[in-house]
Amino acid sequence: MKLKALVALLSDGQVHSGESLAQKLGVSRTAIWKQVRRLMDRGFEVASIRGRGYQLVSRVDLLDSAQITDQLDAALAARIDLRVRDEVDSTNAEVLRQIDDGCDSRLPICIADSQTAGRGRRGRSWQSPRGENLYLSMGLIFHGGFSVLDGLSLVFGVAVAEALETLGVPDVGLKWPNDIFLPAGKLGGILVELQGELQEGVVRVVVGIGINVHMLKAGGVDQPWSSLASACPDTEWSRNRVAAAIIGAVADAAETFSSQGFGVFREPWQNRDIYCNRLIQAKDGELKGVGKGIDESGNYLLGTLEGGEVPIRAGEISLRVVL
């Protein structure tokens, strides 16, 4: 018996007897009791009511591939290979395995309920609690070689921001080179990994996207952060709906980038730049100046105190606001 099946039965918030659950799932009442204990070990709040049964008290937002594809454009839904996993090491790694397994030339996408080894920029770990957030990766192919991929993480940042805005999220900001922000702090991040040339001039890219959806507490995080639930508490957030919006936006952005290049994304990115006209520093404080946005290649421009502009390349250093 899979835990997901038990959660689905309990997700209505009603009290269910152990006997009725056992009959529906074709197992013993003892097996139901053991699975309820497993649910509680995984962070679900389940009330055990003497003489009546079990009631799931905590919020449930189950990932469902059919619900996601039903919300996509029909043409896009027909050309993706979407796999929803309960747990993976990282969704980026899972997409690579998906490709190795063969996905019939379709667009490989993996979404997981949790990650055991989620990764962020510069090898940092990415906290991935179960059932709280969205962990999504897509495999994409671009023609023209590595030289045409400058600014790609910024392109996907614009796509994610626009997807969230269509869902009603206000004041979405972008932090160079790959973070999604709300006024209260970091909402999510993007990790773009280049996997090499399949043939001359054809490059495979895996883009991983993490968005805080329901998370209301996070131990060990050393920077201000936010989530969709905390920023928009009156909205009933569905991870399936957020996933569908992001998949559609990223797929559209990839096609636009392939046909028109980075230039069309520059202004939309600038309009969301959280560093614009703020005093920031780079290279562990060696460079300090005012945020001036990005150049035509996606490098960040730092206006120095001497009046010049210094381009900062992604992957080399981090930027932070001077307090």
C-alpha atoms as a PDB file:
ATOM      1  CA  MET A   1       0.000   0.000   0.000  1.00  0.00           C
ATOM      2  CA  LYS A   2       1.336   3.400  -0.950  1.00  0.00           C
ATOM      3  CA  LEU A   3       1.126   6.277   1.509  1.00  0.00           C
ATOM      4  CA  LYS A   4      -0.227   8.487  -1.258  1.00  0.00           C
ATOM      5  CA  ALA A   5      -3.349   6.310  -1.535  1.00  0.00           C
ATOM      6  CA  LEU A   6      -3.998   6.602   2.189  1.00  0.00           C
ATOM      7  CA  VAL A   7      -3.463  10.370   2.117  1.00  0.00           C
ATOM      8  CA  ALA A   8      -5.904  10.668  -0.779  1.00  0.00           C
ATOM      9  CA  LEU A   9      -8.618   8.901   1.247  1.00  0.00           C
ATOM     10  CA  LEU A  10      -7.969  11.055   4.313  1.00  0.00           C
ATOM     11  CA  SER A  11      -7.618  14.316   2.386  1.00  0.00           C
ATOM     12  CA  ASP A  12     -11.309  15.214   2.764  1.00  0.00           C
ATOM     13  CA  GLY A  13     -10.668  16.012   6.429  1.00  0.00           C
ATOM     14  CA  GLN A  14     -13.371  13.642   7.620  1.00  0.00           C
ATOM     15  CA  VAL A  15     -13.020  10.847  10.215  1.00  0.00           C
ATOM     16  CA  HIS A  16     -12.449   7.428   8.614  1.00  0.00           C
ATOM     17  CA  SER A  17     -12.541   4.190  10.559  1.00  0.00           C
ATOM     18  CA  GLY A  18      -9.581   1.875  10.328  1.00  0.00           C
ATOM     19  CA  GLU A  19     -11.906  -0.830   9.049  1.00  0.00           C
ATOM     20  CA  SER A  20     -13.256   1.263   6.171  1.00  0.00           C
ATOM     21  CA  LEU A  21      -9.756   2.354   5.165  1.00  0.00           C
ATOM     22  CA  ALA A  22      -8.547  -1.239   5.264  1.00  0.00           C
ATOM     23  CA  GLN A  23     -11.421  -2.383   3.039  1.00  0.00           C
ATOM     24  CA  LYS A  24     -10.877   0.352   0.458  1.00  0.00           C
ATOM     25  CA  LEU A  25      -7.138  -0.280   0.262  1.00  0.00           C
ATOM     26  CA  GLY A  26      -7.291  -4.062   0.524  1.00  0.00           C
ATOM     27  CA  VAL A  27      -5.065  -4.367   3.594  1.00  0.00           C
ATOM     28  CA  SER A  28      -5.418  -5.185   7.272  1.00  0.00           C
ATOM     29  CA  ARG A  29      -6.321  -2.692   9.989  1.00  0.00           C
ATOM     30  CA  THR A  30      -2.852  -3.253  11.435  1.00  0.00           C
ATOM     31  CA  ALA A  31      -1.332  -2.172   8.120  1.00  0.00           C
ATOM     32  CA  ILE A  32      -3.458   0.987   8.226  1.00  0.00           C
ATOM     33  CA  TRP A  33      -2.228   1.752  11.732  1.00  0.00           C
ATOM     34  CA  LYS A  34       1.397   1.315  10.650  1.00  0.00           C
ATOM     35  CA  GLN A  35       0.912   3.574   7.634  1.00  0.00           C
ATOM     36  CA  VAL A  36      -0.732   6.237   9.779  1.00  0.00           C
ATOM     37  CA  ARG A  37       2.354   6.151  11.991  1.00  0.00           C
ATOM     38  CA  ARG A  38       4.510   6.609   8.894  1.00  0.00           C
ATOM     39  CA  LEU A  39       2.410   9.594   7.864  1.00  0.00           C
ATOM     40  CA  MET A  40       2.950  11.164  11.252  1.00  0.00           C
ATOM     41  CA  ASP A  41       6.697  10.484  11.035  1.00  0.00           C
ATOM     42  CA  ARG A  42       6.704  12.384   7.729  1.00  0.00           C
ATOM     43  CA  GLY A  43       5.154  15.456   9.293  1.00  0.00           C
ATOM     44  CA  PHE A  44       1.449  14.920   8.632  1.00  0.00           C
ATOM     45  CA  GLU A  45      -0.842  15.667  11.569  1.00  0.00           C
ATOM     46  CA  VAL A  46      -3.279  12.784  11.973  1.00  0.00           C
ATOM     47  CA  ALA A  47      -5.776  12.649  14.839  1.00  0.00           C
ATOM     48  CA  SER A  48      -6.597   9.198  16.203  1.00  0.00           C
ATOM     49  CA  ILE A  49     -10.121   9.362  17.608  1.00  0.00           C
ATOM     50  CA  ARG A  50     -10.979   6.507  19.965  1.00  0.00           C
ATOM     51  CA  GLY A  51     -13.853   4.398  18.693  1.00  0.00           C
ATOM     52  CA  ARG A  52     -14.154   6.327  15.440  1.00  0.00           C
ATOM     53  CA  GLY A  53     -10.917   6.229  13.452  1.00  0.00           C
ATOM     54  CA  TYR A  54      -8.457   8.637  11.882  1.00  0.00           C
ATOM     55  CA  GLN A  55      -8.720  12.244  10.729  1.00  0.00           C
ATOM     56  CA  LEU A  56      -6.084  14.087   8.718  1.00  0.00           C
ATOM     57  CA  VAL A  57      -5.751  17.511  10.305  1.00  0.00           C
ATOM     58  CA  SER A  58      -2.883  19.038   8.336  1.00  0.00           C
ATOM     59  CA  ARG A  59      -3.238  20.609   4.894  1.00  0.00           C
ATOM     60  CA  VAL A  60      -2.805  18.283   1.907  1.00  0.00           C
ATOM     61  CA  ASP A  61      -1.663  19.368  -1.539  1.00  0.00           C
ATOM     62  CA  LEU A  62      -0.879  16.209  -3.483  1.00  0.00           C
ATOM     63  CA  LEU A  63       1.092  16.356  -6.719  1.00  0.00           C
ATOM     64  CA  ASP A  64      -0.756  14.764  -9.627  1.00  0.00           C
ATOM     65  CA  SER A  65       0.586  14.483 -13.178  1.00  0.00           C
ATOM     66  CA  ALA A  66      -2.894  14.327 -14.732  1.00  0.00           C
ATOM     67  CA  GLN A  67      -3.987  17.523 -12.970  1.00  0.00           C
ATOM     68  CA  ILE A  68      -0.845  19.277 -14.206  1.00  0.00           C
ATOM     69  CA  THR A  69      -1.115  18.201 -17.851  1.00  0.00           C
ATOM     70  CA  ASP A  70      -4.838  19.029 -17.920  1.00  0.00           C
ATOM     71  CA  GLN A  71      -3.910  22.661 -17.246  1.00  0.00           C
ATOM     72  CA  LEU A  72      -1.334  22.850 -20.065  1.00  0.00           C
ATOM     73  CA  ASP A  73      -1.870  23.838 -23.666  1.00  0.00           C
ATOM     74  CA  ALA A  74      -2.851  20.657 -25.527  1.00  0.00           C
ATOM     75  CA  ALA A  75       0.084  20.885 -27.945  1.00  0.00           C
ATOM     76  CA  LEU A  76       2.565  21.248 -25.087  1.00  0.00           C
ATOM     77  CA  ALA A  77       0.947  18.479 -23.045  1.00  0.00           C
ATOM     78  CA  ALA A  78       1.336  16.124 -26.016  1.00  0.00           C
ATOM     79  CA  ARG A  79       5.090  16.647 -26.281  1.00  0.00           C
ATOM     80  CA  ILE A  80       6.197  16.326 -22.652  1.00  0.00           C
ATOM     81  CA  ASP A  81       7.286  13.328 -20.614  1.00  0.00           C
ATOM     82  CA  LEU A  82       6.174  14.351 -17.126  1.00  0.00           C
ATOM     83  CA  ARG A  83       7.102  12.177 -14.173  1.00  0.00           C
ATOM     84  CA  VAL A  84       5.987  12.953 -10.621  1.00  0.00           C
ATOM     85  CA  ARG A  85       8.073  11.307  -7.901  1.00  0.00           C
ATOM     86  CA  ASP A  86       7.534  10.982  -4.184  1.00  0.00           C
ATOM     87  CA  GLU A  87      11.238  11.443  -3.429  1.00  0.00           C
ATOM     88  CA  VAL A  88      14.432  11.872  -5.473  1.00  0.00           C
ATOM     89  CA  ASP A  89      17.982  12.946  -4.776  1.00  0.00           C
ATOM     90  CA  SER A  90      17.470  15.974  -7.039  1.00  0.00           C
ATOM     91  CA  THR A  91      15.016  16.641  -9.849  1.00  0.00           C
ATOM     92  CA  ASN A  92      17.867  17.760 -12.135  1.00  0.00           C
ATOM     93  CA  ALA A  93      19.571  14.387 -11.658  1.00  0.00           C
ATOM     94  CA  GLU A  94      16.260  12.604 -12.186  1.00  0.00           C
ATOM     95  CA  VAL A  95      15.725  14.385 -15.520  1.00  0.00           C
ATOM     96  CA  LEU A  96      19.124  13.117 -16.684  1.00  0.00           C
ATOM     97  CA  ARG A  97      18.107   9.570 -15.735  1.00  0.00           C
ATOM     98  CA  GLN A  98      14.822  10.147 -17.535  1.00  0.00           C
ATOM     99  CA  ILE A  99      16.778  11.064 -20.670  1.00  0.00           C
ATOM    100  CA  ASP A 100      19.001   7.996 -20.305  1.00  0.00           C
ATOM    101  CA  ASP A 101      15.907   5.810 -19.982  1.00  0.00           C
ATOM    102  CA  GLY A 102      14.581   7.266 -23.219  1.00  0.00           C
ATOM    103  CA  CYS A 103      11.709   9.728 -23.403  1.00  0.00           C
ATOM    104  CA  ASP A 104      10.870   9.309 -27.106  1.00  0.00           C
ATOM    105  CA  SER A 105      12.113  12.805 -28.082  1.00  0.00           C
ATOM    106  CA  ARG A 106       9.602  14.369 -25.724  1.00  0.00           C
ATOM    107  CA  LEU A 107      10.428  17.147 -23.272  1.00  0.00           C
ATOM    108  CA  PRO A 108      11.541  15.478 -20.013  1.00  0.00           C
ATOM    109  CA  ILE A 109      10.109  17.000 -16.841  1.00  0.00           C
ATOM    110  CA  CYS A 110      10.417  15.785 -13.267  1.00  0.00           C
ATOM    111  CA  ILE A 111       8.544  17.076 -10.227  1.00  0.00           C
ATOM    112  CA  ALA A 112       9.179  15.636  -6.780  1.00  0.00           C
ATOM    113  CA  ASP A 113       7.420  15.893  -3.458  1.00  0.00           C
ATOM    114  CA  SER A 114      10.819  16.027  -1.742  1.00  0.00           C
ATOM    115  CA  GLN A 115      14.541  15.979  -2.523  1.00  0.00           C
ATOM    116  CA  THR A 116      17.246  14.376  -0.437  1.00  0.00           C
ATOM    117  CA  ALA A 117      20.116  16.189  -2.174  1.00  0.00           C
ATOM    118  CA  GLY A 118      18.625  19.306  -3.719  1.00  0.00           C
ATOM    119  CA  ARG A 119      21.243  21.671  -5.118  1.00  0.00           C
ATOM    120  CA  GLY A 120      21.484  25.413  -5.478  1.00  0.00           C
ATOM    121  CA  ARG A 121      24.005  27.715  -7.081  1.00  0.00           C
ATOM    122  CA  ARG A 122      27.724  27.113  -6.410  1.00  0.00           C
ATOM    123  CA  GLY A 123      27.048  23.675  -4.951  1.00  0.00           C
ATOM    124  CA  ARG A 124      24.942  24.882  -2.024  1.00  0.00           C
ATOM    125  CA  SER A 125      22.296  22.530  -0.657  1.00  0.00           C
ATOM    126  CA  TRP A 126      18.619  23.381  -1.272  1.00  0.00           C
ATOM    127  CA  GLN A 127      16.214  22.631   1.552  1.00  0.00           C
ATOM    128  CA  SER A 128      13.450  20.420   0.190  1.00  0.00           C
ATOM    129  CA  PRO A 129      10.873  19.536   2.880  1.00  0.00           C
ATOM    130  CA  ARG A 130       8.203  17.041   1.893  1.00  0.00           C
ATOM    131  CA  GLY A 131       4.832  18.313   0.722  1.00  0.00           C
ATOM    132  CA  GLU A 132       5.664  21.984   1.213  1.00  0.00           C
ATOM    133  CA  ASN A 133       7.138  23.364  -1.988  1.00  0.00           C
ATOM    134  CA  LEU A 134       7.599  22.856  -5.709  1.00  0.00           C
ATOM    135  CA  TYR A 135      10.747  21.130  -6.975  1.00  0.00           C
ATOM    136  CA  LEU A 136      10.674  20.968 -10.771  1.00  0.00           C
ATOM    137  CA  SER A 137      13.234  20.311 -13.508  1.00  0.00           C
ATOM    138  CA  MET A 138      12.977  20.394 -17.294  1.00  0.00           C
ATOM    139  CA  GLY A 139      15.331  19.130 -19.980  1.00  0.00           C
ATOM    140  CA  LEU A 140      15.662  21.464 -22.972  1.00  0.00           C
ATOM    141  CA  ILE A 141      17.677  21.470 -26.204  1.00  0.00           C
ATOM    142  CA  PHE A 142      19.125  24.587 -27.837  1.00  0.00           C
ATOM    143  CA  HIS A 143      20.779  24.978 -31.215  1.00  0.00           C
ATOM    144  CA  GLY A 144      23.814  27.169 -31.805  1.00  0.00           C
ATOM    145  CA  GLY A 145      26.281  25.894 -29.221  1.00  0.00           C
ATOM    146  CA  PHE A 146      27.279  27.175 -25.803  1.00  0.00           C
ATOM    147  CA  SER A 147      28.039  30.677 -27.077  1.00  0.00           C
ATOM    148  CA  VAL A 148      24.352  31.479 -27.634  1.00  0.00           C
ATOM    149  CA  LEU A 149      23.282  30.576 -24.089  1.00  0.00           C
ATOM    150  CA  ASP A 150      24.461  33.726 -22.275  1.00  0.00           C
ATOM    151  CA  GLY A 151      21.827  34.965 -19.872  1.00  0.00           C
ATOM    152  CA  LEU A 152      19.788  31.761 -19.920  1.00  0.00           C
ATOM    153  CA  SER A 153      19.148  31.702 -16.154  1.00  0.00           C
ATOM    154  CA  LEU A 154      17.849  35.277 -16.445  1.00  0.00           C
ATOM    155  CA  VAL A 155      15.486  34.212 -19.233  1.00  0.00           C
ATOM    156  CA  PHE A 156      14.014  31.515 -17.021  1.00  0.00           C
ATOM    157  CA  GLY A 157      13.815  33.995 -14.134  1.00  0.00           C
ATOM    158  CA  VAL A 158      11.595  36.226 -16.252  1.00  0.00           C
ATOM    159  CA  ALA A 159       9.486  33.212 -17.256  1.00  0.00           C
ATOM    160  CA  VAL A 160       8.943  32.118 -13.647  1.00  0.00           C
ATOM    161  CA  ALA A 161       8.147  35.674 -12.540  1.00  0.00           C
ATOM    162  CA  GLU A 162       5.573  36.061 -15.309  1.00  0.00           C
ATOM    163  CA  ALA A 163       4.006  32.695 -14.436  1.00  0.00           C
ATOM    164  CA  LEU A 164       3.639  33.698 -10.788  1.00  0.00           C
ATOM    165  CA  GLU A 165       2.180  37.053 -11.772  1.00  0.00           C
ATOM    166  CA  THR A 166      -0.499  35.339 -13.872  1.00  0.00           C
ATOM    167  CA  LEU A 167      -1.435  33.432 -10.692  1.00  0.00           C
ATOM    168  CA  GLY A 168      -1.933  36.704  -8.836  1.00  0.00           C
ATOM    169  CA  VAL A 169       1.381  37.036  -7.000  1.00  0.00           C
ATOM    170  CA  PRO A 170       2.272  40.753  -6.654  1.00  0.00           C
ATOM    171  CA  ASP A 171       5.699  42.404  -6.532  1.00  0.00           C
ATOM    172  CA  VAL A 172       7.767  39.518  -7.899  1.00  0.00           C
ATOM    173  CA  GLY A 173      11.416  40.558  -8.070  1.00  0.00           C
ATOM    174  CA  LEU A 174      14.548  39.034  -9.587  1.00  0.00           C
ATOM    175  CA  LYS A 175      17.958  38.902  -7.955  1.00  0.00           C
ATOM    176  CA  TRP A 176      20.890  38.404 -10.294  1.00  0.00           C
ATOM    177  CA  PRO A 177      21.658  35.846 -11.487  1.00  0.00           C
ATOM    178  CA  ASN A 178      19.055  33.225 -10.542  1.00  0.00           C
ATOM    179  CA  ASP A 179      16.825  34.019  -7.549  1.00  0.00           C
ATOM    180  CA  ILE A 180      13.120  34.816  -7.319  1.00  0.00           C
ATOM    181  CA  PHE A 181      12.193  37.336  -4.616  1.00  0.00           C
ATOM    182  CA  LEU A 182       9.165  38.800  -2.915  1.00  0.00           C
ATOM    183  CA  PRO A 183       9.348  41.896  -0.688  1.00  0.00           C
ATOM    184  CA  ALA A 184       9.724  39.731   2.442  1.00  0.00           C
ATOM    185  CA  GLY A 185      12.612  37.690   1.034  1.00  0.00           C
ATOM    186  CA  LYS A 186      13.665  34.871  -1.270  1.00  0.00           C
ATOM    187  CA  LEU A 187      10.824  32.870  -2.796  1.00  0.00           C
ATOM    188  CA  GLY A 188      12.785  30.473  -4.986  1.00  0.00           C
ATOM    189  CA  GLY A 189      15.767  29.834  -7.173  1.00  0.00           C
ATOM    190  CA  ILE A 190      16.855  28.519 -10.549  1.00  0.00           C
ATOM    191  CA  LEU A 191      19.743  26.180 -11.348  1.00  0.00           C
ATOM    192  CA  VAL A 192      20.773  25.852 -14.996  1.00  0.00           C
ATOM    193  CA  GLU A 193      23.149  23.015 -15.868  1.00  0.00           C
ATOM    194  CA  LEU A 194      24.660  22.594 -19.335  1.00  0.00           C
ATOM    195  CA  GLN A 195      25.076  18.922 -20.222  1.00  0.00           C
ATOM    196  CA  GLY A 196      27.334  19.201 -23.265  1.00  0.00           C
ATOM    197  CA  GLU A 197      26.837  18.988 -26.992  1.00  0.00           C
ATOM    198  CA  LEU A 198      24.713  16.169 -28.351  1.00  0.00           C
ATOM    199  CA  GLN A 199      26.237  16.995 -31.710  1.00  0.00           C
ATOM    200  CA  GLU A 200      27.990  20.057 -33.045  1.00  0.00           C
ATOM    201  CA  GLY A 201      25.972  23.149 -32.209  1.00  0.00           C
ATOM    202  CA  VAL A 202      23.268  21.307 -30.247  1.00  0.00           C
ATOM    203  CA  VAL A 203      23.358  21.709 -26.454  1.00  0.00           C
ATOM    204  CA  ARG A 204      21.281  19.996 -23.788  1.00  0.00           C
ATOM    205  CA  VAL A 205      20.258  22.097 -20.781  1.00  0.00           C
ATOM    206  CA  VAL A 206      18.592  21.032 -17.550  1.00  0.00           C
ATOM    207  CA  VAL A 207      16.849  23.815 -15.634  1.00  0.00           C
ATOM    208  CA  GLY A 208      15.843  23.198 -12.029  1.00  0.00           C
ATOM    209  CA  ILE A 209      13.310  25.475 -10.330  1.00  0.00           C
ATOM    210  CA  GLY A 210      12.443  25.565  -6.649  1.00  0.00           C
ATOM    211  CA  ILE A 211       9.530  27.634  -5.341  1.00  0.00           C
ATOM    212  CA  ASN A 212       8.410  27.943  -1.711  1.00  0.00           C
ATOM    213  CA  VAL A 213       4.671  27.296  -1.790  1.00  0.00           C
ATOM    214  CA  HIS A 214       3.233  26.311   1.604  1.00  0.00           C
ATOM    215  CA  MET A 215       6.339  26.639   3.774  1.00  0.00           C
ATOM    216  CA  LEU A 216       5.792  28.753   6.886  1.00  0.00           C
ATOM    217  CA  LYS A 217       8.956  27.854   8.816  1.00  0.00           C
ATOM    218  CA  ALA A 218      12.481  26.867   7.807  1.00  0.00           C
ATOM    219  CA  GLY A 219      15.174  26.068  10.319  1.00  0.00           C
ATOM    220  CA  GLY A 220      18.768  26.870   9.434  1.00  0.00           C
ATOM    221  CA  VAL A 221      18.025  29.372   6.655  1.00  0.00           C
ATOM    222  CA  ASP A 222      20.382  32.323   7.066  1.00  0.00           C
ATOM    223  CA  GLN A 223      18.565  34.901   4.925  1.00  0.00           C
ATOM    224  CA  PRO A 224      15.084  36.431   4.709  1.00  0.00           C
ATOM    225  CA  TRP A 225      12.704  34.203   2.780  1.00  0.00           C
ATOM    226  CA  SER A 226       9.069  34.040   1.772  1.00  0.00           C
ATOM    227  CA  SER A 227       6.500  31.620   0.372  1.00  0.00           C
ATOM    228  CA  LEU A 228       3.338  31.919  -1.686  1.00  0.00           C
ATOM    229  CA  ALA A 229       1.254  30.976   1.351  1.00  0.00           C
ATOM    230  CA  SER A 230       2.797  33.630   3.577  1.00  0.00           C
ATOM    231  CA  ALA A 231       2.745  36.345   0.894  1.00  0.00           C
ATOM    232  CA  CYS A 232      -0.794  35.595  -0.327  1.00  0.00           C
ATOM    233  CA  PRO A 233      -2.560  33.916   2.624  1.00  0.00           C
ATOM    234  CA  ASP A 234      -6.038  34.394   1.169  1.00  0.00           C
ATOM    235  CA  THR A 235      -5.217  32.219  -1.866  1.00  0.00           C
ATOM    236  CA  GLU A 236      -5.683  28.443  -1.767  1.00  0.00           C
ATOM    237  CA  TRP A 237      -2.382  27.434  -3.341  1.00  0.00           C
ATOM    238  CA  SER A 238      -2.116  24.271  -5.432  1.00  0.00           C
ATOM    239  CA  ARG A 239       1.311  22.975  -6.367  1.00  0.00           C
ATOM    240  CA  ASN A 240      -0.203  21.392  -9.487  1.00  0.00           C
ATOM    241  CA  ARG A 241      -1.469  24.771 -10.650  1.00  0.00           C
ATOM    242  CA  VAL A 242       1.853  26.485  -9.939  1.00  0.00           C
ATOM    243  CA  ALA A 243       3.719  23.711 -11.750  1.00  0.00           C
ATOM    244  CA  ALA A 244       1.512  23.952 -14.844  1.00  0.00           C
ATOM    245  CA  ALA A 245       1.960  27.735 -15.022  1.00  0.00           C
ATOM    246  CA  ILE A 246       5.748  27.460 -14.735  1.00  0.00           C
ATOM    247  CA  ILE A 247       6.058  24.611 -17.248  1.00  0.00           C
ATOM    248  CA  GLY A 248       4.073  26.582 -19.800  1.00  0.00           C
ATOM    249  CA  ALA A 249       6.010  29.797 -19.202  1.00  0.00           C
ATOM    250  CA  VAL A 250       9.440  28.142 -19.347  1.00  0.00           C
ATOM    251  CA  ALA A 251       8.577  26.232 -22.527  1.00  0.00           C
ATOM    252  CA  ASP A 252       7.370  29.459 -24.192  1.00  0.00           C
ATOM    253  CA  ALA A 253      10.458  31.367 -23.009  1.00  0.00           C
ATOM    254  CA  ALA A 254      12.777  28.675 -24.383  1.00  0.00           C
ATOM    255  CA  GLU A 255      11.144  28.927 -27.810  1.00  0.00           C
ATOM    256  CA  THR A 256      11.311  32.730 -27.790  1.00  0.00           C
ATOM    257  CA  PHE A 257      14.956  32.688 -26.680  1.00  0.00           C
ATOM    258  CA  SER A 258      15.814  30.206 -29.436  1.00  0.00           C
ATOM    259  CA  SER A 259      14.213  32.341 -32.149  1.00  0.00           C
ATOM    260  CA  GLN A 260      14.895  35.881 -30.916  1.00  0.00           C
ATOM    261  CA  GLY A 261      17.805  35.678 -28.484  1.00  0.00           C
ATOM    262  CA  PHE A 262      18.357  37.245 -25.086  1.00  0.00           C
ATOM    263  CA  GLY A 263      17.584  40.841 -26.088  1.00  0.00           C
ATOM    264  CA  VAL A 264      13.800  40.556 -25.755  1.00  0.00           C
ATOM    265  CA  PHE A 265      14.180  39.437 -22.133  1.00  0.00           C
ATOM    266  CA  ARG A 266      16.506  42.227 -21.036  1.00  0.00           C
ATOM    267  CA  GLU A 267      13.889  44.885 -20.299  1.00  0.00           C
ATOM    268  CA  PRO A 268      11.448  42.502 -18.545  1.00  0.00           C
ATOM    269  CA  TRP A 269      14.331  41.398 -16.322  1.00  0.00           C
ATOM    270  CA  GLN A 270      15.408  44.993 -15.625  1.00  0.00           C
ATOM    271  CA  ASN A 271      11.872  45.891 -14.570  1.00  0.00           C
ATOM    272  CA  ARG A 272      12.079  43.317 -11.764  1.00  0.00           C
ATOM    273  CA  ASP A 273      15.693  43.941 -10.683  1.00  0.00           C
ATOM    274  CA  ILE A 274      15.755  44.145  -6.870  1.00  0.00           C
ATOM    275  CA  TYR A 275      19.253  45.689  -6.958  1.00  0.00           C
ATOM    276  CA  CYS A 276      18.389  48.585  -9.271  1.00  0.00           C
ATOM    277  CA  ASN A 277      19.902  51.846  -7.975  1.00  0.00           C
ATOM    278  CA  ARG A 278      20.871  50.230  -4.667  1.00  0.00           C
ATOM    279  CA  LEU A 279      24.350  50.244  -3.163  1.00  0.00           C
ATOM    280  CA  ILE A 280      25.737  46.718  -3.487  1.00  0.00           C
ATOM    281  CA  GLN A 281      29.063  44.969  -3.204  1.00  0.00           C
ATOM    282  CA  ALA A 282      30.731  42.082  -5.000  1.00  0.00           C
ATOM    283  CA  LYS A 283      33.842  39.924  -4.739  1.00  0.00           C
ATOM    284  CA  ASP A 284      33.667  39.705  -0.947  1.00  0.00           C
ATOM    285  CA  GLY A 285      33.535  43.474  -0.679  1.00  0.00           C
ATOM    286  CA  GLU A 286      36.362  44.222  -3.121  1.00  0.00           C
ATOM    287  CA  LEU A 287      33.936  45.928  -5.508  1.00  0.00           C
ATOM    288  CA  LYS A 288      31.243  48.314  -4.358  1.00  0.00           C
ATOM    289  CA  GLY A 289      28.828  50.424  -6.348  1.00  0.00           C
ATOM    290  CA  VAL A 290      25.268  51.039  -7.500  1.00  0.00           C
ATOM    291  CA  GLY A 291      23.171  48.428  -9.306  1.00  0.00           C
ATOM    292  CA  LYS A 292      22.741  49.380 -12.970  1.00  0.00           C
ATOM    293  CA  GLY A 293      20.970  46.332 -14.347  1.00  0.00           C
ATOM    294  CA  ILE A 294      22.269  43.924 -16.972  1.00  0.00           C
ATOM    295  CA  ASP A 295      24.069  44.304 -20.288  1.00  0.00           C
ATOM    296  CA  GLU A 296      23.184  42.649 -23.602  1.00  0.00           C
ATOM    297  CA  SER A 297      24.837  39.380 -22.497  1.00  0.00           C
ATOM    298  CA  GLY A 298      23.226  39.182 -19.059  1.00  0.00           C
ATOM    299  CA  ASN A 299      26.249  40.383 -17.075  1.00  0.00           C
ATOM    300  CA  TYR A 300      25.357  42.569 -14.112  1.00  0.00           C
ATOM    301  CA  LEU A 301      26.545  46.178 -14.304  1.00  0.00           C
ATOM    302  CA  LEU A 302      27.982  47.768 -11.203  1.00  0.00           C
ATOM    303  CA  GLY A 303      28.190  51.563 -11.279  1.00  0.00           C
ATOM    304  CA  THR A 304      31.410  52.360  -9.445  1.00  0.00           C
ATOM    305  CA  LEU A 305      31.949  55.355  -7.185  1.00  0.00           C
ATOM    306  CA  GLU A 306      34.424  56.677  -9.782  1.00  0.00           C
ATOM    307  CA  GLY A 307      31.665  56.924 -12.386  1.00  0.00           C
ATOM    308  CA  GLY A 308      32.421  53.855 -14.489  1.00  0.00           C
ATOM    309  CA  GLU A 309      30.563  50.564 -14.925  1.00  0.00           C
ATOM    310  CA  VAL A 310      32.021  47.139 -14.167  1.00  0.00           C
ATOM    311  CA  PRO A 311      30.352  44.028 -15.667  1.00  0.00           C
ATOM    312  CA  ILE A 312      29.959  41.120 -13.239  1.00  0.00           C
ATOM    313  CA  ARG A 313      29.731  37.680 -14.854  1.00  0.00           C
ATOM    314  CA  ALA A 314      27.395  35.008 -13.527  1.00  0.00           C
ATOM    315  CA  GLY A 315      29.136  32.124 -11.817  1.00  0.00           C
ATOM    316  CA  GLU A 316      32.123  34.174 -10.689  1.00  0.00           C
ATOM    317  CA  ILE A 317      30.830  35.985  -7.624  1.00  0.00           C
ATOM    318  CA  SER A 318      27.770  36.907  -5.626  1.00  0.00           C
ATOM    319  CA  LEU A 319      26.199  40.303  -5.086  1.00  0.00           C
ATOM    320  CA  ARG A 320      24.694  41.602  -1.874  1.00  0.00           C
ATOM    321  CA  VAL A 321      23.175  44.867  -0.681  1.00  0.00           C
ATOM    322  CA  VAL A 322      25.433  47.054   1.442  1.00  0.00           C
ATOM    323  CA  LEU A 323      23.715  47.689   4.768  1.00  0.00           C
END
